[in-house]
C-alpha cells in the first residue's frame, strides 16, 4: 500500500533557515527518505532532521496504485 506523505520540514534558526513543505508518494518512510536523498535541492547535512520529519509526516493511504515520487515541494 502506498501513502501520500505531507512532510513539514524546517531547520530552525540559527542553525539554518532551510525547510519547507514536501508532498510525496511512497510505500515506506525509508522509500520516501531515499527519494528525497536523490533530489539535488535537499542538503545532505540535514538528513537526520529530514528522516524525523518523514516519520512525523501526515500519511494518507491511497486506494489506487500510484508511482512513488515527489509530487510538490516548497522549500527555501
PDB file of N, CA and C in Angstrom:
ATOM      1  N   UNK A   1       0.838  -1.174   0.000  1.00  0.00           N
ATOM      2  CA  UNK A   1       0.000   0.000   0.000  1.00  0.00           C
ATOM      3  C   UNK A   1       0.885   1.240   0.000  1.00  0.00           C
ATOM      4  N   UNK A   2       0.510   2.212  -0.788  1.00  0.00           N
ATOM      5  CA  UNK A   2       1.268   3.463  -0.838  1.00  0.00           C
ATOM      6  C   UNK A   2       0.495   4.572  -0.127  1.00  0.00           C
ATOM      7  N   UNK A   3       1.248   5.591   0.247  1.00  0.00           N
ATOM      8  CA  UNK A   3       0.702   6.703   1.010  1.00  0.00           C
ATOM      9  C   UNK A   3       1.129   8.024   0.392  1.00  0.00           C
ATOM     10  N   UNK A   4       0.312   9.043   0.600  1.00  0.00           N
ATOM     11  CA  UNK A   4       0.720  10.420   0.330  1.00  0.00           C
ATOM     12  C   UNK A   4       1.309  10.924   1.637  1.00  0.00           C
ATOM     13  N   UNK A   5       2.531  11.386   1.580  1.00  0.00           N
ATOM     14  CA  UNK A   5       3.225  11.953   2.738  1.00  0.00           C
ATOM     15  C   UNK A   5       3.195  13.472   2.612  1.00  0.00           C
ATOM     16  N   UNK A   6       2.722  14.139   3.652  1.00  0.00           N
ATOM     17  CA  UNK A   6       2.792  15.605   3.718  1.00  0.00           C
ATOM     18  C   UNK A   6       3.819  15.912   4.798  1.00  0.00           C
ATOM     19  N   UNK A   7       4.993  16.334   4.346  1.00  0.00           N
ATOM     20  CA  UNK A   7       6.150  16.476   5.235  1.00  0.00           C
ATOM     21  C   UNK A   7       6.388  17.948   5.541  1.00  0.00           C
ATOM     22  N   UNK A   8       6.310  18.289   6.812  1.00  0.00           N
ATOM     23  CA  UNK A   8       6.587  19.643   7.296  1.00  0.00           C
ATOM     24  C   UNK A   8       8.032  19.633   7.771  1.00  0.00           C
ATOM     25  N   UNK A   9       8.926  20.222   6.980  1.00  0.00           N
ATOM     26  CA  UNK A   9      10.363  20.093   7.214  1.00  0.00           C
ATOM     27  C   UNK A   9      10.998  21.463   7.357  1.00  0.00           C
ATOM     28  N   UNK A  10      11.437  21.805   8.555  1.00  0.00           N
ATOM     29  CA  UNK A  10      12.096  23.090   8.798  1.00  0.00           C
ATOM     30  C   UNK A  10      13.295  22.893   9.704  1.00  0.00           C
ATOM     31  N   UNK A  11      14.410  23.482   9.342  1.00  0.00           N
ATOM     32  CA  UNK A  11      15.589  23.557  10.205  1.00  0.00           C
ATOM     33  C   UNK A  11      15.572  24.968  10.775  1.00  0.00           C
ATOM     34  N   UNK A  12      15.402  25.091  12.064  1.00  0.00           N
ATOM     35  CA  UNK A  12      15.185  26.402  12.675  1.00  0.00           C
ATOM     36  C   UNK A  12      16.470  27.219  12.788  1.00  0.00           C
ATOM     37  N   UNK A  13      16.298  28.535  12.816  1.00  0.00           N
ATOM     38  CA  UNK A  13      17.362  29.488  13.033  1.00  0.00           C
ATOM     39  C   UNK A  13      17.898  29.260  14.439  1.00  0.00           C
ATOM     40  N   UNK A  14      19.136  29.346  14.759  1.00  0.00           N
ATOM     41  CA  UNK A  14      20.252  29.859  13.992  1.00  0.00           C
ATOM     42  C   UNK A  14      20.988  28.805  13.173  1.00  0.00           C
ATOM     43  N   UNK A  15      20.640  27.533  13.306  1.00  0.00           N
ATOM     44  CA  UNK A  15      21.322  26.502  12.522  1.00  0.00           C
ATOM     45  C   UNK A  15      21.149  26.736  11.035  1.00  0.00           C
ATOM     46  N   UNK A  16      19.937  27.100  10.669  1.00  0.00           N
ATOM     47  CA  UNK A  16      19.611  27.269   9.265  1.00  0.00           C
ATOM     48  C   UNK A  16      18.246  27.923   9.189  1.00  0.00           C
ATOM     49  N   UNK A  17      17.915  28.397   8.040  1.00  0.00           N
ATOM     50  CA  UNK A  17      16.552  28.843   7.783  1.00  0.00           C
ATOM     51  C   UNK A  17      15.992  28.036   6.627  1.00  0.00           C
ATOM     52  N   UNK A  18      16.514  26.839   6.463  1.00  0.00           N
ATOM     53  CA  UNK A  18      16.139  25.980   5.358  1.00  0.00           C
ATOM     54  C   UNK A  18      14.929  25.143   5.733  1.00  0.00           C
ATOM     55  N   UNK A  19      14.080  24.891   4.765  1.00  0.00           N
ATOM     56  CA  UNK A  19      12.973  23.991   5.017  1.00  0.00           C
ATOM     57  C   UNK A  19      11.840  24.208   4.052  1.00  0.00           C
ATOM     58  N   UNK A  20      10.694  23.639   4.414  1.00  0.00           N
ATOM     59  CA  UNK A  20       9.528  23.780   3.578  1.00  0.00           C
ATOM     60  C   UNK A  20       8.523  22.668   3.798  1.00  0.00           C
ATOM     61  N   UNK A  21       7.628  22.547   2.855  1.00  0.00           N
ATOM     62  CA  UNK A  21       6.608  21.511   2.844  1.00  0.00           C
ATOM     63  C   UNK A  21       6.856  20.657   1.608  1.00  0.00           C
ATOM     64  N   UNK A  22       6.868  19.346   1.805  1.00  0.00           N
ATOM     65  CA  UNK A  22       7.109  18.420   0.703  1.00  0.00           C
ATOM     66  C   UNK A  22       5.970  17.411   0.683  1.00  0.00           C
ATOM     67  N   UNK A  23       5.439  17.149  -0.511  1.00  0.00           N
ATOM     68  CA  UNK A  23       4.386  16.155  -0.681  1.00  0.00           C
ATOM     69  C   UNK A  23       4.936  15.058  -1.588  1.00  0.00           C
ATOM     70  N   UNK A  24       4.906  13.825  -1.081  1.00  0.00           N
ATOM     71  CA  UNK A  24       5.463  12.674  -1.808  1.00  0.00           C
ATOM     72  C   UNK A  24       4.481  11.514  -1.780  1.00  0.00           C
ATOM     73  N   UNK A  25       4.695  10.589  -2.688  1.00  0.00           N
ATOM     74  CA  UNK A  25       4.018   9.295  -2.644  1.00  0.00           C
ATOM     75  C   UNK A  25       5.089   8.245  -2.394  1.00  0.00           C
ATOM     76  N   UNK A  26       4.823   7.369  -1.429  1.00  0.00           N
ATOM     77  CA  UNK A  26       5.760   6.299  -1.142  1.00  0.00           C
ATOM     78  C   UNK A  26       5.113   5.202  -0.334  1.00  0.00           C
ATOM     79  N   UNK A  27       5.793   4.070  -0.293  1.00  0.00           N
ATOM     80  CA  UNK A  27       5.274   2.907   0.426  1.00  0.00           C
ATOM     81  C   UNK A  27       5.737   2.890   1.881  1.00  0.00           C
ATOM     82  N   UNK A  28       6.969   3.371   2.130  1.00  0.00           N
ATOM     83  CA  UNK A  28       7.532   3.366   3.483  1.00  0.00           C
ATOM     84  C   UNK A  28       8.267   4.670   3.746  1.00  0.00           C
ATOM     85  N   UNK A  29       8.546   4.925   5.020  1.00  0.00           N
ATOM     86  CA  UNK A  29       9.340   6.098   5.389  1.00  0.00           C
ATOM     87  C   UNK A  29      10.706   6.050   4.718  1.00  0.00           C
ATOM     88  N   UNK A  30      11.319   4.877   4.688  1.00  0.00           N
ATOM     89  CA  UNK A  30      12.636   4.733   4.089  1.00  0.00           C
ATOM     90  C   UNK A  30      12.618   5.026   2.586  1.00  0.00           C
ATOM     91  N   UNK A  31      11.584   4.571   1.891  1.00  0.00           N
ATOM     92  CA  UNK A  31      11.488   4.853   0.462  1.00  0.00           C
ATOM     93  C   UNK A  31      11.374   6.349   0.208  1.00  0.00           C
ATOM     94  N   UNK A  32      10.561   7.043   0.994  1.00  0.00           N
ATOM     95  CA  UNK A  32      10.417   8.496   0.841  1.00  0.00           C
ATOM     96  C   UNK A  32      11.740   9.183   1.149  1.00  0.00           C
ATOM     97  N   UNK A  33      12.431   8.750   2.191  1.00  0.00           N
ATOM     98  CA  UNK A  33      13.731   9.311   2.535  1.00  0.00           C
ATOM     99  C   UNK A  33      14.710   9.170   1.369  1.00  0.00           C
ATOM    100  N   UNK A  34      14.745   7.995   0.756  1.00  0.00           N
ATOM    101  CA  UNK A  34      15.637   7.767  -0.383  1.00  0.00           C
ATOM    102  C   UNK A  34      15.256   8.630  -1.587  1.00  0.00           C
ATOM    103  N   UNK A  35      13.964   8.837  -1.800  1.00  0.00           N
ATOM    104  CA  UNK A  35      13.529   9.732  -2.881  1.00  0.00           C
ATOM    105  C   UNK A  35      14.083  11.140  -2.663  1.00  0.00           C
ATOM    106  N   UNK A  36      14.003  11.606  -1.432  1.00  0.00           N
ATOM    107  CA  UNK A  36      14.476  12.959  -1.125  1.00  0.00           C
ATOM    108  C   UNK A  36      15.998  13.048  -1.163  1.00  0.00           C
ATOM    109  N   UNK A  37      16.690  11.971  -0.767  1.00  0.00           N
ATOM    110  CA  UNK A  37      18.153  11.968  -0.852  1.00  0.00           C
ATOM    111  C   UNK A  37      18.632  12.110  -2.296  1.00  0.00           C
ATOM    112  N   UNK A  38      17.874  11.553  -3.221  1.00  0.00           N
ATOM    113  CA  UNK A  38      18.240  11.613  -4.635  1.00  0.00           C
ATOM    114  C   UNK A  38      17.915  12.949  -5.280  1.00  0.00           C
ATOM    115  N   UNK A  39      17.218  13.805  -4.570  1.00  0.00           N
ATOM    116  CA  UNK A  39      16.843  15.120  -5.091  1.00  0.00           C
ATOM    117  C   UNK A  39      17.940  16.129  -4.738  1.00  0.00           C
ATOM    118  N   UNK A  40      18.464  16.827  -5.716  1.00  0.00           N
ATOM    119  CA  UNK A  40      19.580  17.763  -5.528  1.00  0.00           C
ATOM    120  C   UNK A  40      19.259  18.911  -4.563  1.00  0.00           C
ATOM    121  N   UNK A  41      18.002  19.322  -4.458  1.00  0.00           N
ATOM    122  CA  UNK A  41      17.668  20.523  -3.693  1.00  0.00           C
ATOM    123  C   UNK A  41      17.613  20.301  -2.175  1.00  0.00           C
ATOM    124  N   UNK A  42      17.792  19.052  -1.714  1.00  0.00           N
ATOM    125  CA  UNK A  42      17.781  18.789  -0.284  1.00  0.00           C
ATOM    126  C   UNK A  42      19.196  18.522   0.195  1.00  0.00           C
ATOM    127  N   UNK A  43      19.740  19.401   1.061  1.00  0.00           N
ATOM    128  CA  UNK A  43      21.128  19.239   1.508  1.00  0.00           C
ATOM    129  C   UNK A  43      21.309  18.000   2.386  1.00  0.00           C
ATOM    130  N   UNK A  44      22.389  17.268   2.146  1.00  0.00           N
ATOM    131  CA  UNK A  44      22.675  16.045   2.901  1.00  0.00           C
ATOM    132  C   UNK A  44      22.973  16.319   4.368  1.00  0.00           C
ATOM    133  N   UNK A  45      23.386  17.531   4.691  1.00  0.00           N
ATOM    134  CA  UNK A  45      23.744  17.846   6.072  1.00  0.00           C
ATOM    135  C   UNK A  45      22.551  17.789   7.016  1.00  0.00           C
ATOM    136  N   UNK A  46      21.343  17.776   6.473  1.00  0.00           N
ATOM    137  CA  UNK A  46      20.140  17.771   7.305  1.00  0.00           C
ATOM    138  C   UNK A  46      19.404  16.433   7.256  1.00  0.00           C
ATOM    139  N   UNK A  47      20.106  15.337   6.944  1.00  0.00           N
ATOM    140  CA  UNK A  47      19.460  14.031   6.797  1.00  0.00           C
ATOM    141  C   UNK A  47      18.728  13.568   8.054  1.00  0.00           C
ATOM    142  N   UNK A  48      19.304  13.792   9.224  1.00  0.00           N
ATOM    143  CA  UNK A  48      18.668  13.352  10.465  1.00  0.00           C
ATOM    144  C   UNK A  48      17.348  14.079  10.675  1.00  0.00           C
ATOM    145  N   UNK A  49      17.346  15.378  10.463  1.00  0.00           N
ATOM    146  CA  UNK A  49      16.113  16.159  10.616  1.00  0.00           C
ATOM    147  C   UNK A  49      15.085  15.760   9.562  1.00  0.00           C
ATOM    148  N   UNK A  50      15.543  15.458   8.353  1.00  0.00           N
ATOM    149  CA  UNK A  50      14.618  15.062   7.293  1.00  0.00           C
ATOM    150  C   UNK A  50      13.933  13.746   7.650  1.00  0.00           C
ATOM    151  N   UNK A  51      14.687  12.755   8.130  1.00  0.00           N
ATOM    152  CA  UNK A  51      14.091  11.470   8.484  1.00  0.00           C
ATOM    153  C   UNK A  51      13.087  11.638   9.612  1.00  0.00           C
ATOM    154  N   UNK A  52      13.404  12.463  10.580  1.00  0.00           N
ATOM    155  CA  UNK A  52      12.475  12.717  11.687  1.00  0.00           C
ATOM    156  C   UNK A  52      11.190  13.363  11.177  1.00  0.00           C
ATOM    157  N   UNK A  53      11.313  14.279  10.237  1.00  0.00           N
ATOM    158  CA  UNK A  53      10.135  14.924   9.646  1.00  0.00           C
ATOM    159  C   UNK A  53       9.289  13.925   8.861  1.00  0.00           C
ATOM    160  N   UNK A  54       9.935  12.995   8.179  1.00  0.00           N
ATOM    161  CA  UNK A  54       9.211  11.964   7.427  1.00  0.00           C
ATOM    162  C   UNK A  54       8.441  11.065   8.394  1.00  0.00           C
ATOM    163  N   UNK A  55       9.069  10.670   9.486  1.00  0.00           N
ATOM    164  CA  UNK A  55       8.398   9.820  10.470  1.00  0.00           C
ATOM    165  C   UNK A  55       7.177  10.512  11.070  1.00  0.00           C
ATOM    166  N   UNK A  56       7.259  11.840  11.233  1.00  0.00           N
ATOM    167  CA  UNK A  56       6.167  12.610  11.831  1.00  0.00           C
ATOM    168  C   UNK A  56       5.171  13.149  10.809  1.00  0.00           C
ATOM    169  N   UNK A  57       5.382  12.849   9.549  1.00  0.00           N
ATOM    170  CA  UNK A  57       4.536  13.386   8.478  1.00  0.00           C
ATOM    171  C   UNK A  57       3.107  12.857   8.569  1.00  0.00           C
ATOM    172  N   UNK A  58       2.193  13.638   8.021  1.00  0.00           N
ATOM    173  CA  UNK A  58       0.833  13.158   7.823  1.00  0.00           C
ATOM    174  C   UNK A  58       0.872  12.166   6.674  1.00  0.00           C
ATOM    175  N   UNK A  59       0.309  10.982   6.887  1.00  0.00           N
ATOM    176  CA  UNK A  59       0.325   9.931   5.861  1.00  0.00           C
ATOM    177  C   UNK A  59      -1.118   9.553   5.544  1.00  0.00           C
ATOM    178  N   UNK A  60      -1.465   9.646   4.266  1.00  0.00           N
ATOM    179  CA  UNK A  60      -2.811   9.327   3.813  1.00  0.00           C
ATOM    180  C   UNK A  60      -2.754   8.136   2.874  1.00  0.00           C
ATOM    181  N   UNK A  61      -3.477   7.079   3.199  1.00  0.00           N
ATOM    182  CA  UNK A  61      -3.466   5.857   2.390  1.00  0.00           C
ATOM    183  C   UNK A  61      -4.121   6.102   1.035  1.00  0.00           C
ATOM    184  N   UNK A  62      -3.540   5.524   0.002  1.00  0.00           N
ATOM    185  CA  UNK A  62      -4.078   5.625  -1.358  1.00  0.00           C
ATOM    186  C   UNK A  62      -4.826   4.343  -1.709  1.00  0.00           C
ATOM    187  N   UNK A  63      -5.983   4.482  -2.320  1.00  0.00           N
ATOM    188  CA  UNK A  63      -6.767   3.316  -2.712  1.00  0.00           C
ATOM    189  C   UNK A  63      -6.242   2.694  -3.996  1.00  0.00           C
ATOM    190  N   UNK A  64      -5.801   3.533  -4.927  1.00  0.00           N
ATOM    191  CA  UNK A  64      -5.291   3.054  -6.206  1.00  0.00           C
ATOM    192  C   UNK A  64      -3.774   3.004  -6.176  1.00  0.00           C
ATOM    193  N   UNK A  65      -3.193   2.373  -7.183  1.00  0.00           N
ATOM    194  CA  UNK A  65      -1.738   2.246  -7.273  1.00  0.00           C
ATOM    195  C   UNK A  65      -1.165   3.469  -8.002  1.00  0.00           C
ATOM    196  N   UNK A  66      -0.201   4.127  -7.393  1.00  0.00           N
ATOM    197  CA  UNK A  66       0.470   5.287  -7.972  1.00  0.00           C
ATOM    198  C   UNK A  66       1.970   5.058  -7.936  1.00  0.00           C
ATOM    199  N   UNK A  67       2.669   5.732  -8.820  1.00  0.00           N
ATOM    200  CA  UNK A  67       4.122   5.659  -8.843  1.00  0.00           C
ATOM    201  C   UNK A  67       4.689   6.496  -7.701  1.00  0.00           C
ATOM    202  N   UNK A  68       5.702   5.971  -7.041  1.00  0.00           N
ATOM    203  CA  UNK A  68       6.366   6.714  -5.973  1.00  0.00           C
ATOM    204  C   UNK A  68       7.101   7.908  -6.558  1.00  0.00           C
ATOM    205  N   UNK A  69       7.137   8.999  -5.799  1.00  0.00           N
ATOM    206  CA  UNK A  69       7.867  10.177  -6.245  1.00  0.00           C
ATOM    207  C   UNK A  69       7.450  11.423  -5.499  1.00  0.00           C
ATOM    208  N   UNK A  70       8.156  12.492  -5.775  1.00  0.00           N
ATOM    209  CA  UNK A  70       7.854  13.792  -5.179  1.00  0.00           C
ATOM    210  C   UNK A  70       6.773  14.433  -6.038  1.00  0.00           C
ATOM    211  N   UNK A  71       5.687  14.836  -5.410  1.00  0.00           N
ATOM    212  CA  UNK A  71       4.590  15.481  -6.119  1.00  0.00           C
ATOM    213  C   UNK A  71       4.807  16.985  -6.180  1.00  0.00           C
ATOM    214  N   UNK A  72       5.153  17.568  -5.031  1.00  0.00           N
ATOM    215  CA  UNK A  72       5.329  19.016  -4.934  1.00  0.00           C
ATOM    216  C   UNK A  72       6.279  19.315  -3.778  1.00  0.00           C
ATOM    217  N   UNK A  73       7.070  20.363  -3.918  1.00  0.00           N
ATOM    218  CA  UNK A  73       7.957  20.781  -2.835  1.00  0.00           C
ATOM    219  C   UNK A  73       8.059  22.294  -2.821  1.00  0.00           C
ATOM    220  N   UNK A  74       7.789  22.879  -1.670  1.00  0.00           N
ATOM    221  CA  UNK A  74       8.030  24.291  -1.449  1.00  0.00           C
ATOM    222  C   UNK A  74       9.145  24.368  -0.426  1.00  0.00           C
ATOM    223  N   UNK A  75      10.308  24.823  -0.857  1.00  0.00           N
ATOM    224  CA  UNK A  75      11.451  24.914   0.046  1.00  0.00           C
ATOM    225  C   UNK A  75      12.118  26.272  -0.068  1.00  0.00           C
ATOM    226  N   UNK A  76      12.806  26.624   0.998  1.00  0.00           N
ATOM    227  CA  UNK A  76      13.553  27.891   0.994  1.00  0.00           C
ATOM    228  C   UNK A  76      15.031  27.609   1.021  1.00  0.00           C
TER     229      UNK A  76
END
